[in-house]
N, C-alpha and C. Protein backbone atom coordinates (compact mmCIF):
# COMPACT_ATOMS: atom_id res chain seq x y z
N UNK A 1 267.55 33.84 114.22
CA UNK A 1 267.32 35.18 113.82
C UNK A 1 266.68 35.24 112.44
N UNK A 2 267.10 34.41 111.56
CA UNK A 2 266.54 34.33 110.23
C UNK A 2 265.09 33.93 110.34
N UNK A 3 264.82 33.11 111.29
CA UNK A 3 263.47 32.68 111.53
C UNK A 3 262.59 33.86 111.95
N UNK A 4 263.18 34.70 112.81
CA UNK A 4 262.44 35.88 113.28
C UNK A 4 262.19 36.84 112.14
N UNK A 5 263.13 37.00 111.27
CA UNK A 5 262.99 37.90 110.14
C UNK A 5 261.93 37.39 109.18
N UNK A 6 261.96 36.07 109.07
CA UNK A 6 260.97 35.47 108.20
C UNK A 6 259.57 35.71 108.76
N UNK A 7 259.47 35.56 110.08
CA UNK A 7 258.19 35.81 110.75
C UNK A 7 257.77 37.27 110.60
N UNK A 8 258.75 38.17 110.76
CA UNK A 8 258.44 39.60 110.62
C UNK A 8 257.98 39.90 109.20
N UNK A 9 258.58 39.27 108.22
CA UNK A 9 258.19 39.47 106.81
C UNK A 9 256.77 38.96 106.57
N UNK A 10 256.51 37.79 107.17
CA UNK A 10 255.17 37.24 107.00
C UNK A 10 254.13 38.12 107.68
N UNK A 11 254.53 38.64 108.86
CA UNK A 11 253.62 39.53 109.58
C UNK A 11 253.35 40.79 108.77
N UNK A 12 254.40 41.33 108.17
CA UNK A 12 254.26 42.54 107.38
C UNK A 12 253.36 42.27 106.17
N UNK A 13 253.58 41.09 105.55
CA UNK A 13 252.74 40.72 104.42
C UNK A 13 251.29 40.56 104.85
N UNK A 14 251.08 39.90 105.96
CA UNK A 14 249.73 39.69 106.49
C UNK A 14 249.10 41.03 106.84
N UNK A 15 249.89 41.93 107.42
CA UNK A 15 249.39 43.25 107.78
C UNK A 15 249.02 44.03 106.53
N UNK A 16 249.83 43.92 105.47
CA UNK A 16 249.55 44.61 104.22
C UNK A 16 248.29 44.04 103.59
N UNK A 17 248.19 42.69 103.63
CA UNK A 17 246.98 42.05 103.12
C UNK A 17 245.76 42.50 103.92
N UNK A 18 245.91 42.58 105.24
CA UNK A 18 244.81 43.01 106.11
C UNK A 18 244.44 44.45 105.79
N UNK A 19 245.43 45.32 105.56
CA UNK A 19 245.16 46.72 105.22
C UNK A 19 244.38 46.82 103.90
N UNK A 20 244.81 46.02 102.90
CA UNK A 20 244.13 46.03 101.61
C UNK A 20 242.71 45.52 101.77
N UNK A 21 242.55 44.44 102.54
CA UNK A 21 241.24 43.87 102.79
C UNK A 21 240.37 44.85 103.58
N UNK A 22 240.95 45.52 104.55
CA UNK A 22 240.21 46.50 105.36
C UNK A 22 239.76 47.68 104.49
N UNK A 23 240.64 48.15 103.62
CA UNK A 23 240.28 49.25 102.73
C UNK A 23 239.15 48.84 101.79
N UNK A 24 239.24 47.59 101.31
CA UNK A 24 238.19 47.09 100.41
C UNK A 24 236.87 46.99 101.16
N UNK A 25 236.96 46.53 102.41
CA UNK A 25 235.74 46.44 103.21
C UNK A 25 235.15 47.82 103.51
N UNK A 26 236.02 48.77 103.82
CA UNK A 26 235.57 50.14 104.10
C UNK A 26 234.93 50.73 102.85
N UNK A 27 235.55 50.51 101.70
CA UNK A 27 235.01 51.02 100.44
C UNK A 27 233.66 50.37 100.15
N UNK A 28 233.60 49.05 100.35
CA UNK A 28 232.33 48.34 100.16
C UNK A 28 231.25 48.86 101.09
N UNK A 29 231.62 49.07 102.35
CA UNK A 29 230.66 49.57 103.35
C UNK A 29 230.20 50.98 102.98
N UNK A 30 231.11 51.81 102.50
CA UNK A 30 230.76 53.18 102.12
C UNK A 30 229.81 53.17 100.92
N UNK A 31 230.10 52.27 99.95
CA UNK A 31 229.23 52.17 98.79
C UNK A 31 227.85 51.65 99.19
N UNK A 32 227.82 50.67 100.09
CA UNK A 32 226.54 50.12 100.57
C UNK A 32 225.77 51.20 101.33
N UNK A 33 226.48 51.97 102.16
CA UNK A 33 225.84 53.04 102.92
C UNK A 33 225.27 54.10 101.98
N UNK A 34 226.03 54.46 100.96
CA UNK A 34 225.56 55.45 99.99
C UNK A 34 224.35 54.93 99.24
N UNK A 35 224.39 53.66 98.88
CA UNK A 35 223.25 53.05 98.18
C UNK A 35 222.01 53.02 99.07
N UNK A 36 222.19 52.63 100.32
CA UNK A 36 221.06 52.59 101.27
C UNK A 36 220.53 54.00 101.55
N UNK A 37 221.42 54.98 101.64
CA UNK A 37 220.98 56.36 101.86
C UNK A 37 220.16 56.87 100.68
N UNK A 38 220.61 56.56 99.47
CA UNK A 38 219.87 56.98 98.27
C UNK A 38 218.50 56.31 98.23
N UNK A 39 218.48 55.00 98.57
CA UNK A 39 217.21 54.27 98.59
C UNK A 39 216.28 54.85 99.67
N UNK A 40 216.84 55.17 100.84
CA UNK A 40 216.05 55.78 101.92
C UNK A 40 215.46 57.12 101.47
N UNK A 41 216.30 57.94 100.83
CA UNK A 41 215.82 59.24 100.36
C UNK A 41 214.72 59.08 99.32
N UNK A 42 214.88 58.10 98.41
CA UNK A 42 213.85 57.86 97.39
C UNK A 42 212.54 57.41 98.04
N UNK A 43 212.64 56.49 99.01
CA UNK A 43 211.43 56.00 99.70
C UNK A 43 210.77 57.12 100.51
N UNK A 44 211.59 57.95 101.15
CA UNK A 44 211.06 59.07 101.92
C UNK A 44 210.31 60.03 100.99
N UNK A 45 210.90 60.30 99.81
CA UNK A 45 210.26 61.16 98.82
C UNK A 45 208.93 60.56 98.37
N UNK A 46 208.92 59.25 98.11
CA UNK A 46 207.67 58.58 97.71
C UNK A 46 206.60 58.69 98.78
N UNK A 47 206.99 58.47 100.03
CA UNK A 47 206.04 58.55 101.15
C UNK A 47 205.47 59.97 101.25
N UNK A 48 206.34 60.97 101.15
CA UNK A 48 205.87 62.36 101.24
C UNK A 48 204.93 62.70 100.09
N UNK A 49 205.26 62.24 98.89
CA UNK A 49 204.38 62.48 97.73
C UNK A 49 203.04 61.78 97.91
N UNK A 50 203.08 60.54 98.40
CA UNK A 50 201.85 59.79 98.63
C UNK A 50 200.99 60.48 99.69
N UNK A 51 201.61 60.96 100.76
CA UNK A 51 200.86 61.68 101.79
C UNK A 51 200.24 62.96 101.22
N UNK A 52 200.98 63.67 100.39
CA UNK A 52 200.45 64.90 99.78
C UNK A 52 199.28 64.56 98.85
N UNK A 53 199.43 63.49 98.06
CA UNK A 53 198.34 63.08 97.17
C UNK A 53 197.10 62.67 97.97
N UNK A 54 197.31 61.97 99.07
CA UNK A 54 196.18 61.55 99.90
C UNK A 54 195.48 62.76 100.52
N UNK A 55 196.25 63.75 100.95
CA UNK A 55 195.66 64.97 101.51
C UNK A 55 194.86 65.72 100.45
N UNK A 56 195.41 65.81 99.23
CA UNK A 56 194.69 66.45 98.13
C UNK A 56 193.42 65.69 97.80
N UNK A 57 193.49 64.37 97.78
CA UNK A 57 192.32 63.55 97.52
C UNK A 57 191.26 63.75 98.60
N UNK A 58 191.70 63.81 99.86
CA UNK A 58 190.76 64.03 100.97
C UNK A 58 190.05 65.37 100.82
N UNK A 59 190.81 66.42 100.51
CA UNK A 59 190.21 67.75 100.34
C UNK A 59 189.25 67.78 99.15
N UNK A 60 189.65 67.17 98.03
CA UNK A 60 188.81 67.13 96.85
C UNK A 60 187.52 66.36 97.13
N UNK A 61 187.64 65.26 97.85
CA UNK A 61 186.46 64.46 98.20
C UNK A 61 185.52 65.23 99.11
N UNK A 62 186.09 65.93 100.10
CA UNK A 62 185.25 66.76 100.98
C UNK A 62 184.51 67.83 100.18
N UNK A 63 185.21 68.46 99.24
CA UNK A 63 184.60 69.50 98.41
C UNK A 63 183.49 68.90 97.53
N UNK A 64 183.75 67.73 96.95
CA UNK A 64 182.75 67.08 96.11
C UNK A 64 181.53 66.66 96.92
N UNK A 65 181.75 66.18 98.14
CA UNK A 65 180.62 65.80 99.01
C UNK A 65 179.80 67.04 99.38
N UNK A 66 180.49 68.13 99.71
CA UNK A 66 179.77 69.37 100.04
C UNK A 66 178.98 69.87 98.83
N UNK A 67 179.59 69.82 97.64
CA UNK A 67 178.88 70.23 96.43
C UNK A 67 177.69 69.32 96.16
N UNK A 68 177.88 68.03 96.38
CA UNK A 68 176.78 67.09 96.15
C UNK A 68 175.62 67.38 97.08
N UNK A 69 175.93 67.71 98.34
CA UNK A 69 174.86 68.06 99.29
C UNK A 69 174.15 69.33 98.85
N UNK A 70 174.94 70.33 98.46
CA UNK A 70 174.36 71.62 98.09
C UNK A 70 173.56 71.54 96.80
N UNK A 71 174.10 70.85 95.81
CA UNK A 71 173.50 70.89 94.48
C UNK A 71 172.73 69.62 94.09
N UNK A 72 172.53 68.70 95.04
CA UNK A 72 171.83 67.45 94.73
C UNK A 72 170.39 67.68 94.28
N UNK A 73 169.76 68.72 94.78
CA UNK A 73 168.35 68.97 94.47
C UNK A 73 168.18 69.89 93.27
N UNK A 74 169.25 70.16 92.54
CA UNK A 74 169.19 71.13 91.44
C UNK A 74 168.11 70.80 90.42
N UNK A 75 168.09 69.59 89.90
CA UNK A 75 167.11 69.24 88.87
C UNK A 75 165.69 69.29 89.43
N UNK A 76 165.51 68.78 90.64
CA UNK A 76 164.19 68.82 91.27
C UNK A 76 163.76 70.27 91.50
N UNK A 77 164.66 71.10 92.00
CA UNK A 77 164.35 72.51 92.26
C UNK A 77 163.99 73.22 90.96
N UNK A 78 164.74 72.94 89.89
CA UNK A 78 164.45 73.58 88.60
C UNK A 78 163.03 73.21 88.14
N UNK A 79 162.64 71.95 88.35
CA UNK A 79 161.28 71.54 87.99
C UNK A 79 160.24 72.22 88.87
N UNK A 80 160.55 72.43 90.13
CA UNK A 80 159.60 73.06 91.06
C UNK A 80 159.41 74.55 90.75
N UNK A 81 160.38 75.16 90.09
CA UNK A 81 160.25 76.58 89.74
C UNK A 81 159.08 76.80 88.80
N UNK A 82 158.79 75.83 87.94
CA UNK A 82 157.62 75.96 87.07
C UNK A 82 156.34 76.02 87.89
N UNK A 83 156.26 75.20 88.93
CA UNK A 83 155.08 75.23 89.80
C UNK A 83 154.99 76.58 90.52
N UNK A 84 156.12 77.09 90.99
CA UNK A 84 156.13 78.40 91.66
C UNK A 84 155.68 79.50 90.70
N UNK A 85 156.16 79.43 89.45
CA UNK A 85 155.75 80.42 88.44
C UNK A 85 154.24 80.35 88.20
N UNK A 86 153.70 79.15 88.10
CA UNK A 86 152.26 78.99 87.85
C UNK A 86 151.42 79.51 89.02
N UNK A 87 151.90 79.29 90.22
CA UNK A 87 151.18 79.81 91.39
C UNK A 87 151.18 81.34 91.35
N UNK A 88 152.34 81.93 91.03
CA UNK A 88 152.43 83.40 90.94
C UNK A 88 151.51 83.92 89.85
N UNK A 89 151.49 83.25 88.70
CA UNK A 89 150.61 83.67 87.60
C UNK A 89 149.13 83.59 88.00
N UNK A 90 148.80 82.56 88.76
CA UNK A 90 147.41 82.41 89.22
C UNK A 90 147.02 83.60 90.10
N UNK A 91 147.91 83.99 90.98
CA UNK A 91 147.61 85.13 91.85
C UNK A 91 147.55 86.43 91.06
N UNK A 92 148.45 86.59 90.09
CA UNK A 92 148.46 87.82 89.29
C UNK A 92 147.28 87.90 88.33
N UNK A 93 146.64 86.78 88.03
CA UNK A 93 145.51 86.79 87.09
C UNK A 93 144.24 87.34 87.74
N UNK A 94 144.22 87.39 89.07
CA UNK A 94 143.06 87.94 89.76
C UNK A 94 143.25 89.45 89.85
N UNK A 95 142.32 90.24 89.31
CA UNK A 95 142.44 91.71 89.40
C UNK A 95 142.52 92.16 90.86
N UNK A 96 143.30 93.21 91.10
CA UNK A 96 143.53 93.70 92.46
C UNK A 96 142.22 94.07 93.15
N UNK A 97 141.29 94.74 92.44
CA UNK A 97 140.03 95.14 93.07
C UNK A 97 139.17 93.92 93.40
N UNK A 98 139.21 92.88 92.55
CA UNK A 98 138.44 91.66 92.81
C UNK A 98 139.04 90.91 94.00
N UNK A 99 140.37 90.90 94.13
CA UNK A 99 141.02 90.21 95.25
C UNK A 99 140.72 90.91 96.56
N UNK A 100 140.71 92.25 96.55
CA UNK A 100 140.45 92.98 97.80
C UNK A 100 138.98 92.89 98.21
N UNK A 101 138.07 92.73 97.25
CA UNK A 101 136.64 92.64 97.54
C UNK A 101 136.17 91.19 97.70
N UNK A 102 137.07 90.24 97.57
CA UNK A 102 136.70 88.83 97.61
C UNK A 102 136.12 88.45 98.96
N UNK A 103 135.11 87.56 98.91
CA UNK A 103 134.46 87.06 100.11
C UNK A 103 134.22 85.57 99.98
N UNK A 104 134.00 84.94 101.09
CA UNK A 104 133.60 83.54 101.11
C UNK A 104 134.61 82.62 100.47
N UNK A 105 134.13 81.67 99.65
CA UNK A 105 135.02 80.67 99.05
C UNK A 105 136.08 81.27 98.14
N UNK A 106 135.76 82.36 97.44
CA UNK A 106 136.74 83.00 96.56
C UNK A 106 137.90 83.56 97.37
N UNK A 107 137.59 84.19 98.50
CA UNK A 107 138.62 84.73 99.40
C UNK A 107 139.47 83.58 99.95
N UNK A 108 138.82 82.47 100.33
CA UNK A 108 139.54 81.31 100.85
C UNK A 108 140.47 80.72 99.78
N UNK A 109 140.00 80.71 98.52
CA UNK A 109 140.83 80.20 97.43
C UNK A 109 142.08 81.07 97.25
N UNK A 110 141.90 82.38 97.24
CA UNK A 110 143.05 83.30 97.08
C UNK A 110 144.02 83.14 98.25
N UNK A 111 143.48 83.08 99.48
CA UNK A 111 144.33 82.90 100.67
C UNK A 111 145.09 81.58 100.60
N UNK A 112 144.42 80.53 100.14
CA UNK A 112 145.07 79.22 100.02
C UNK A 112 146.19 79.22 99.00
N UNK A 113 145.96 79.90 97.88
CA UNK A 113 147.02 79.98 96.86
C UNK A 113 148.21 80.77 97.39
N UNK A 114 147.95 81.88 98.10
CA UNK A 114 149.03 82.68 98.68
C UNK A 114 149.81 81.87 99.72
N UNK A 115 149.09 81.12 100.54
CA UNK A 115 149.73 80.29 101.55
C UNK A 115 150.61 79.21 100.89
N UNK A 116 150.10 78.61 99.83
CA UNK A 116 150.86 77.60 99.09
C UNK A 116 152.13 78.21 98.50
N UNK A 117 152.02 79.42 97.96
CA UNK A 117 153.19 80.08 97.38
C UNK A 117 154.24 80.36 98.46
N UNK A 118 153.82 80.87 99.62
CA UNK A 118 154.77 81.15 100.71
C UNK A 118 155.43 79.85 101.20
N UNK A 119 154.62 78.80 101.33
CA UNK A 119 155.15 77.52 101.81
C UNK A 119 156.16 76.95 100.81
N UNK A 120 155.86 77.03 99.53
CA UNK A 120 156.78 76.54 98.51
C UNK A 120 158.09 77.34 98.55
N UNK A 121 157.98 78.66 98.68
CA UNK A 121 159.18 79.51 98.74
C UNK A 121 160.03 79.16 99.96
N UNK A 122 159.40 78.93 101.12
CA UNK A 122 160.15 78.56 102.33
C UNK A 122 160.82 77.20 102.16
N UNK A 123 160.12 76.27 101.54
CA UNK A 123 160.69 74.93 101.32
C UNK A 123 161.89 75.00 100.39
N UNK A 124 161.76 75.75 99.31
CA UNK A 124 162.88 75.91 98.38
C UNK A 124 164.07 76.56 99.09
N UNK A 125 163.80 77.59 99.89
CA UNK A 125 164.87 78.28 100.59
C UNK A 125 165.55 77.38 101.61
N UNK A 126 164.78 76.53 102.27
CA UNK A 126 165.33 75.59 103.24
C UNK A 126 166.33 74.63 102.57
N UNK A 127 166.15 74.39 101.28
CA UNK A 127 167.05 73.51 100.54
C UNK A 127 168.08 74.29 99.73
N UNK A 128 168.28 75.56 100.07
CA UNK A 128 169.34 76.36 99.45
C UNK A 128 168.95 77.09 98.19
N UNK A 129 167.68 77.05 97.79
CA UNK A 129 167.23 77.74 96.58
C UNK A 129 166.67 79.09 97.00
N UNK A 130 167.29 80.16 96.48
CA UNK A 130 166.87 81.51 96.88
C UNK A 130 166.44 82.32 95.66
N UNK A 131 165.46 83.18 95.90
CA UNK A 131 164.90 84.04 94.87
C UNK A 131 165.86 85.19 94.58
N UNK A 132 166.05 85.51 93.30
CA UNK A 132 166.81 86.69 92.89
C UNK A 132 165.78 87.81 92.70
N UNK A 133 165.96 88.90 93.42
CA UNK A 133 165.05 90.04 93.31
C UNK A 133 165.81 91.22 92.71
N UNK A 134 165.86 91.32 91.39
CA UNK A 134 166.70 92.32 90.74
C UNK A 134 166.08 93.70 90.55
N UNK A 135 164.80 93.87 90.86
CA UNK A 135 164.12 95.15 90.62
C UNK A 135 164.91 96.29 91.24
N UNK A 136 165.30 97.28 90.41
CA UNK A 136 166.02 98.46 90.88
C UNK A 136 167.52 98.26 91.00
N UNK A 137 168.01 97.05 90.76
CA UNK A 137 169.45 96.79 90.85
C UNK A 137 170.11 97.00 89.49
N UNK A 138 171.41 97.11 89.52
CA UNK A 138 172.18 97.22 88.28
C UNK A 138 172.13 95.86 87.58
N UNK A 139 172.00 95.87 86.27
CA UNK A 139 171.94 94.63 85.49
C UNK A 139 173.23 93.84 85.67
N UNK A 140 173.10 92.55 85.99
CA UNK A 140 174.23 91.64 86.17
C UNK A 140 174.05 90.48 85.19
N UNK A 141 174.87 90.42 84.14
CA UNK A 141 174.69 89.36 83.13
C UNK A 141 174.88 87.95 83.68
N UNK A 142 175.50 87.83 84.84
CA UNK A 142 175.69 86.52 85.45
C UNK A 142 174.43 86.02 86.15
N UNK A 143 173.53 86.94 86.50
CA UNK A 143 172.33 86.56 87.24
C UNK A 143 171.03 86.95 86.55
N UNK A 144 171.14 87.81 85.54
CA UNK A 144 169.95 88.31 84.84
C UNK A 144 170.08 88.06 83.35
N UNK A 145 168.94 87.95 82.71
CA UNK A 145 168.91 87.85 81.24
C UNK A 145 168.04 89.00 80.74
N UNK A 146 168.65 89.92 80.01
CA UNK A 146 167.92 91.09 79.50
C UNK A 146 167.03 90.65 78.34
N UNK A 147 165.76 90.96 78.45
CA UNK A 147 164.80 90.60 77.40
C UNK A 147 164.51 91.79 76.48
N UNK A 148 164.58 93.00 77.05
CA UNK A 148 164.32 94.21 76.27
C UNK A 148 164.87 95.40 77.03
N UNK A 149 164.95 96.55 76.32
CA UNK A 149 165.38 97.80 76.94
C UNK A 149 164.19 98.74 77.01
N UNK A 150 164.14 99.51 78.10
CA UNK A 150 163.04 100.45 78.32
C UNK A 150 163.63 101.86 78.37
N UNK A 151 163.20 102.74 77.47
CA UNK A 151 163.69 104.12 77.57
C UNK A 151 163.18 104.75 78.87
N UNK A 152 164.10 105.15 79.73
CA UNK A 152 163.72 105.73 81.02
C UNK A 152 164.86 106.64 81.48
N UNK A 153 164.62 107.94 81.41
CA UNK A 153 165.65 108.92 81.78
C UNK A 153 165.72 109.14 83.28
N UNK A 154 164.80 108.57 84.06
CA UNK A 154 164.75 108.81 85.50
C UNK A 154 165.70 107.91 86.30
N UNK A 155 166.09 106.78 85.74
CA UNK A 155 166.97 105.87 86.47
C UNK A 155 168.27 105.70 85.69
N UNK A 156 169.36 105.32 86.38
CA UNK A 156 170.64 105.14 85.68
C UNK A 156 170.56 104.08 84.59
N UNK A 157 171.30 104.31 83.54
CA UNK A 157 171.38 103.37 82.42
C UNK A 157 171.83 102.00 82.95
N UNK A 158 171.18 100.92 82.50
CA UNK A 158 171.56 99.56 82.93
C UNK A 158 170.88 99.11 84.21
N UNK A 159 169.89 99.85 84.68
CA UNK A 159 169.16 99.45 85.88
C UNK A 159 167.99 98.57 85.49
N UNK A 160 167.74 97.53 86.28
CA UNK A 160 166.60 96.65 86.03
C UNK A 160 165.33 97.40 86.43
N UNK A 161 164.43 97.61 85.46
CA UNK A 161 163.19 98.35 85.74
C UNK A 161 161.95 97.46 85.67
N UNK A 162 162.09 96.26 85.11
CA UNK A 162 160.94 95.37 85.03
C UNK A 162 161.43 93.92 85.10
N UNK A 163 160.72 93.10 85.88
CA UNK A 163 161.06 91.69 86.01
C UNK A 163 159.95 90.88 85.34
N UNK A 164 160.32 90.16 84.29
CA UNK A 164 159.34 89.34 83.57
C UNK A 164 159.18 87.98 84.24
N UNK A 165 160.29 87.41 84.71
CA UNK A 165 160.26 86.12 85.38
C UNK A 165 161.35 86.14 86.45
N UNK A 166 160.99 85.71 87.64
CA UNK A 166 161.95 85.69 88.74
C UNK A 166 163.07 84.71 88.46
N UNK A 167 164.23 85.03 89.00
CA UNK A 167 165.38 84.14 88.90
C UNK A 167 165.66 83.50 90.25
N UNK A 168 166.44 82.44 90.23
CA UNK A 168 166.77 81.72 91.46
C UNK A 168 168.22 81.29 91.43
N UNK A 169 168.81 81.22 92.62
CA UNK A 169 170.16 80.68 92.79
C UNK A 169 170.09 79.51 93.75
N UNK A 170 171.01 78.57 93.58
CA UNK A 170 171.15 77.47 94.54
C UNK A 170 172.61 77.48 94.95
N UNK A 171 172.85 77.67 96.23
CA UNK A 171 174.22 77.85 96.70
C UNK A 171 174.75 79.13 96.08
N UNK A 172 175.87 79.03 95.38
CA UNK A 172 176.42 80.21 94.71
C UNK A 172 176.27 80.11 93.19
N UNK A 173 175.46 79.16 92.73
CA UNK A 173 175.23 78.99 91.29
C UNK A 173 173.84 79.48 90.90
N UNK A 174 173.75 80.01 89.69
CA UNK A 174 172.46 80.46 89.19
C UNK A 174 171.68 79.24 88.72
N UNK A 175 170.50 79.06 89.31
CA UNK A 175 169.62 77.96 88.90
C UNK A 175 168.85 78.37 87.66
N UNK A 176 168.35 79.62 87.70
CA UNK A 176 167.65 80.17 86.55
C UNK A 176 167.82 81.69 86.61
N UNK A 177 168.31 82.30 85.52
CA UNK A 177 168.48 83.76 85.55
C UNK A 177 167.11 84.46 85.53
N UNK A 178 167.07 85.63 86.11
CA UNK A 178 165.86 86.44 86.07
C UNK A 178 165.73 87.07 84.69
N UNK A 179 164.54 87.01 84.11
CA UNK A 179 164.28 87.65 82.82
C UNK A 179 163.83 89.07 83.10
N UNK A 180 164.58 90.05 82.62
CA UNK A 180 164.36 91.44 83.02
C UNK A 180 164.33 92.41 81.85
N UNK A 181 163.74 93.58 82.12
CA UNK A 181 163.80 94.72 81.22
C UNK A 181 164.76 95.72 81.83
N UNK A 182 165.62 96.30 81.01
CA UNK A 182 166.69 97.17 81.50
C UNK A 182 166.49 98.59 80.99
N UNK A 183 166.77 99.58 81.87
CA UNK A 183 166.62 100.99 81.51
C UNK A 183 167.69 101.39 80.50
N UNK A 184 167.27 102.27 79.56
CA UNK A 184 168.19 102.77 78.54
C UNK A 184 167.99 104.28 78.43
N UNK A 185 169.08 104.99 78.31
CA UNK A 185 168.99 106.41 78.06
C UNK A 185 169.01 107.28 79.30
N UNK A 186 169.08 106.72 80.47
CA UNK A 186 169.13 107.52 81.70
C UNK A 186 170.54 107.99 81.98
N UNK A 187 170.73 108.64 83.11
CA UNK A 187 172.08 109.10 83.47
C UNK A 187 172.99 107.90 83.72
N UNK A 188 174.30 108.14 83.65
CA UNK A 188 175.25 107.07 83.93
C UNK A 188 175.13 106.68 85.40
N UNK A 189 175.41 105.42 85.68
CA UNK A 189 175.34 104.94 87.06
C UNK A 189 176.34 105.71 87.91
N UNK A 190 175.96 106.04 89.15
CA UNK A 190 176.83 106.79 90.05
C UNK A 190 178.07 105.96 90.36
N UNK A 191 179.19 106.64 90.52
CA UNK A 191 180.45 105.96 90.84
C UNK A 191 180.33 105.38 92.25
N UNK A 192 180.90 104.20 92.43
CA UNK A 192 180.84 103.54 93.74
C UNK A 192 181.66 104.30 94.77
N UNK A 193 182.74 104.95 94.34
CA UNK A 193 183.62 105.69 95.23
C UNK A 193 183.69 107.13 94.76
N UNK A 194 183.36 108.12 95.63
CA UNK A 194 183.38 109.51 95.19
C UNK A 194 184.74 109.94 94.63
N UNK A 195 185.82 109.33 95.09
CA UNK A 195 187.14 109.70 94.59
C UNK A 195 187.30 109.28 93.13
N UNK A 196 186.55 108.22 92.72
CA UNK A 196 186.62 107.76 91.33
C UNK A 196 186.00 108.80 90.38
N UNK A 197 185.00 109.54 90.85
CA UNK A 197 184.30 110.49 90.01
C UNK A 197 185.16 111.72 89.73
N UNK A 198 186.11 112.02 90.62
CA UNK A 198 186.95 113.20 90.47
C UNK A 198 188.00 113.04 89.42
């Protein structure tokens, strides 16, 4: 019987040791699980941030490529505007009565210059360069450059009444502002909305 009690005591001790060891193992496993969960969350956060950065980079690159396509010819187009201006000046230097009465080679020369001007304008437009035609429009400092004011009581104040040099845009950017004369002293511009005037 003493032997049995001794065995029971040893079993109880072994069971207590096993319980302590089991608790230590459970605690270790819980700590390891918590550590792995934190590491997983950190890695997941890094992956999500990297994916977001890659998406932003992709969008920025697409925008830069589109801008490069649109604005790649900017310097060349700006240089070509001088040629367009010279062609226009050549046509304007011929008096209207002489141009209408022109015959033979002189008529062919005028027609050729006009054809060249139209072809150049179409080519520029095909590459995104468009003419700004401000005559009669309200002065826009983003697209026009006022060279002088013209006293004119017949049109609203701030209206473009004379164009000295045509302006051009490429895409949504101004390539060259139009040089204009602006009306001064006329009536105030009409309100865009009749309710605003009341």
